Amino acid sequence: PLDPTQDLSSALERRLGLIVAAKYNTDLFFVHGFPAEVRPFYTMPNPHDPRFSNAFDVYLRGQEICSGAQRVHDRALLDQRLQGTGVGASSLKSYCEAFSYGAVPHA
């Protein structure tokens, strides 16, 4: 069985493309709600289940062609998510400070 908190391998993405094509007669599809652990720290976690993120990938015939995500817009949450990543906070000081002045939430 697949672990829903793990990323999809390239082989699984291609297999998913075949399944979607057979079932829905389309080559283009979206996958959303990726595991939070495989997304960057600045990706907004799902508010209902923080194991997952508000992120998506777009696939064409089982090949990822585009991805996106809602970004964290709250400074406290951004700092919290940065901790424990192994990324030096000093290297992202300017990025994080910008959110101290406020940022508009987005989808």
C-alpha atoms as a PDB file:
ATOM      1  CA  PRO A   1       0.000   0.000   0.000  1.00  0.00           C
ATOM      2  CA  LEU A   2       1.008   3.597  -0.605  1.00  0.00           C
ATOM      3  CA  ASP A   3       1.890   5.843   2.314  1.00  0.00           C
ATOM      4  CA  PRO A   4      -0.090   9.071   1.797  1.00  0.00           C
ATOM      5  CA  THR A   5       2.601  11.090   3.600  1.00  0.00           C
ATOM      6  CA  GLN A   6       5.288  10.170   1.051  1.00  0.00           C
ATOM      7  CA  ASP A   7       5.954  11.759  -2.338  1.00  0.00           C
ATOM      8  CA  LEU A   8       5.023  10.021  -5.591  1.00  0.00           C
ATOM      9  CA  SER A   9       7.892   8.447  -7.503  1.00  0.00           C
ATOM     10  CA  SER A  10       8.251   9.077 -11.243  1.00  0.00           C
ATOM     11  CA  ALA A  11       7.062   5.541 -11.919  1.00  0.00           C
ATOM     12  CA  LEU A  12       3.925   6.109  -9.824  1.00  0.00           C
ATOM     13  CA  GLU A  13       3.266   9.435 -11.561  1.00  0.00           C
ATOM     14  CA  ARG A  14       3.412   7.713 -14.971  1.00  0.00           C
ATOM     15  CA  ARG A  15       1.137   4.924 -13.731  1.00  0.00           C
ATOM     16  CA  LEU A  16      -1.312   7.488 -12.373  1.00  0.00           C
ATOM     17  CA  GLY A  17      -1.314   9.133 -15.808  1.00  0.00           C
ATOM     18  CA  LEU A  18      -2.373   5.832 -17.390  1.00  0.00           C
ATOM     19  CA  ILE A  19      -5.108   5.313 -14.804  1.00  0.00           C
ATOM     20  CA  VAL A  20      -6.493   8.847 -15.234  1.00  0.00           C
ATOM     21  CA  ALA A  21      -6.431   8.528 -19.025  1.00  0.00           C
ATOM     22  CA  ALA A  22      -8.289   5.209 -18.931  1.00  0.00           C
ATOM     23  CA  LYS A  23     -10.876   6.268 -16.362  1.00  0.00           C
ATOM     24  CA  TYR A  24     -11.504   9.909 -17.327  1.00  0.00           C
ATOM     25  CA  ASN A  25     -10.380  10.026 -20.966  1.00  0.00           C
ATOM     26  CA  THR A  26      -8.013  12.944 -20.349  1.00  0.00           C
ATOM     27  CA  ASP A  27      -4.256  13.381 -20.314  1.00  0.00           C
ATOM     28  CA  LEU A  28      -4.235  16.498 -18.117  1.00  0.00           C
ATOM     29  CA  PHE A  29      -4.863  16.309 -14.374  1.00  0.00           C
ATOM     30  CA  PHE A  30      -4.038  17.952 -11.038  1.00  0.00           C
ATOM     31  CA  VAL A  31      -2.858  16.353  -7.812  1.00  0.00           C
ATOM     32  CA  HIS A  32      -3.265  18.518  -4.714  1.00  0.00           C
ATOM     33  CA  GLY A  33      -2.563  18.159  -1.016  1.00  0.00           C
ATOM     34  CA  PHE A  34       1.036  16.958  -1.209  1.00  0.00           C
ATOM     35  CA  PRO A  35       2.742  15.691   1.952  1.00  0.00           C
ATOM     36  CA  ALA A  36       4.130  18.663   3.894  1.00  0.00           C
ATOM     37  CA  GLU A  37       7.468  16.908   4.430  1.00  0.00           C
ATOM     38  CA  VAL A  38       8.269  16.929   0.715  1.00  0.00           C
ATOM     39  CA  ARG A  39       7.434  20.591   0.185  1.00  0.00           C
ATOM     40  CA  PRO A  40       9.536  23.666   1.080  1.00  0.00           C
ATOM     41  CA  PHE A  41       9.105  25.203   4.539  1.00  0.00           C
ATOM     42  CA  TYR A  42       7.348  28.242   3.043  1.00  0.00           C
ATOM     43  CA  THR A  43       4.488  26.110   1.690  1.00  0.00           C
ATOM     44  CA  MET A  44       1.279  26.578   3.681  1.00  0.00           C
ATOM     45  CA  PRO A  45       0.261  23.475   5.612  1.00  0.00           C
ATOM     46  CA  ASN A  46      -3.273  22.171   5.209  1.00  0.00           C
ATOM     47  CA  PRO A  47      -5.288  23.704   8.083  1.00  0.00           C
ATOM     48  CA  HIS A  48      -7.272  20.489   8.592  1.00  0.00           C
ATOM     49  CA  ASP A  49      -4.329  18.072   8.516  1.00  0.00           C
ATOM     50  CA  PRO A  50      -0.809  19.530   8.855  1.00  0.00           C
ATOM     51  CA  ARG A  51       0.738  16.327   7.483  1.00  0.00           C
ATOM     52  CA  PHE A  52      -0.293  17.715   4.102  1.00  0.00           C
ATOM     53  CA  SER A  53       0.221  21.024   2.300  1.00  0.00           C
ATOM     54  CA  ASN A  54      -1.786  23.422   0.167  1.00  0.00           C
ATOM     55  CA  ALA A  55       0.293  22.499  -2.871  1.00  0.00           C
ATOM     56  CA  PHE A  56      -0.417  20.993  -6.271  1.00  0.00           C
ATOM     57  CA  ASP A  57       1.223  19.550  -9.358  1.00  0.00           C
ATOM     58  CA  VAL A  58      -0.179  19.556 -12.883  1.00  0.00           C
ATOM     59  CA  TYR A  59       0.465  16.459 -14.991  1.00  0.00           C
ATOM     60  CA  LEU A  60       0.254  15.742 -18.685  1.00  0.00           C
ATOM     61  CA  ARG A  61       0.297  12.037 -19.543  1.00  0.00           C
ATOM     62  CA  GLY A  62       1.864  11.237 -16.170  1.00  0.00           C
ATOM     63  CA  GLN A  63       4.636  13.828 -16.443  1.00  0.00           C
ATOM     64  CA  GLU A  64       4.692  16.823 -14.104  1.00  0.00           C
ATOM     65  CA  ILE A  65       4.538  20.028 -16.142  1.00  0.00           C
ATOM     66  CA  CYS A  66       3.787  22.618 -13.463  1.00  0.00           C
ATOM     67  CA  SER A  67       3.546  22.963  -9.703  1.00  0.00           C
ATOM     68  CA  GLY A  68       2.380  25.566  -7.248  1.00  0.00           C
ATOM     69  CA  ALA A  69       1.363  26.188  -3.680  1.00  0.00           C
ATOM     70  CA  GLN A  70      -0.110  28.631  -1.255  1.00  0.00           C
ATOM     71  CA  ARG A  71       2.784  30.352   0.504  1.00  0.00           C
ATOM     72  CA  VAL A  72       2.985  30.979   4.230  1.00  0.00           C
ATOM     73  CA  HIS A  73       2.118  34.646   4.778  1.00  0.00           C
ATOM     74  CA  ASP A  74       2.301  34.764   8.584  1.00  0.00           C
ATOM     75  CA  ARG A  75       5.734  35.626  10.043  1.00  0.00           C
ATOM     76  CA  ALA A  76       5.316  33.494  13.197  1.00  0.00           C
ATOM     77  CA  LEU A  77       4.293  30.432  11.183  1.00  0.00           C
ATOM     78  CA  LEU A  78       7.114  31.061   8.700  1.00  0.00           C
ATOM     79  CA  ASP A  79       9.671  31.166  11.532  1.00  0.00           C
ATOM     80  CA  GLN A  80       8.177  28.041  13.088  1.00  0.00           C
ATOM     81  CA  ARG A  81       8.351  26.125   9.815  1.00  0.00           C
ATOM     82  CA  LEU A  82      11.918  27.290   9.150  1.00  0.00           C
ATOM     83  CA  GLN A  83      13.146  25.820  12.439  1.00  0.00           C
ATOM     84  CA  GLY A  84      14.442  22.298  12.064  1.00  0.00           C
ATOM     85  CA  THR A  85      14.889  22.475   8.295  1.00  0.00           C
ATOM     86  CA  GLY A  86      18.665  22.732   8.430  1.00  0.00           C
ATOM     87  CA  VAL A  87      18.445  25.987   6.485  1.00  0.00           C
ATOM     88  CA  GLY A  88      20.261  28.808   8.247  1.00  0.00           C
ATOM     89  CA  ALA A  89      17.769  31.453   9.354  1.00  0.00           C
ATOM     90  CA  SER A  90      20.398  34.143   8.785  1.00  0.00           C
ATOM     91  CA  SER A  91      20.493  33.349   5.072  1.00  0.00           C
ATOM     92  CA  LEU A  92      16.757  34.066   4.834  1.00  0.00           C
ATOM     93  CA  LYS A  93      16.638  37.044   7.191  1.00  0.00           C
ATOM     94  CA  SER A  94      15.482  39.569   4.567  1.00  0.00           C
ATOM     95  CA  TYR A  95      12.858  37.182   3.199  1.00  0.00           C
ATOM     96  CA  CYS A  96      11.406  36.502   6.650  1.00  0.00           C
ATOM     97  CA  GLU A  97      11.604  40.140   7.785  1.00  0.00           C
ATOM     98  CA  ALA A  98       9.440  41.202   4.867  1.00  0.00           C
ATOM     99  CA  PHE A  99       6.540  39.322   6.438  1.00  0.00           C
ATOM    100  CA  SER A 100       6.870  41.370   9.640  1.00  0.00           C
ATOM    101  CA  TYR A 101       5.241  44.264   7.767  1.00  0.00           C
ATOM    102  CA  GLY A 102       2.266  42.140   6.754  1.00  0.00           C
ATOM    103  CA  ALA A 103       1.403  40.069   3.736  1.00  0.00           C
ATOM    104  CA  VAL A 104      -1.907  39.436   2.068  1.00  0.00           C
ATOM    105  CA  PRO A 105      -3.070  35.813   2.331  1.00  0.00           C
ATOM    106  CA  HIS A 106      -3.513  34.131  -1.025  1.00  0.00           C
ATOM    107  CA  ALA A 107      -4.861  30.880  -2.359  1.00  0.00           C
END
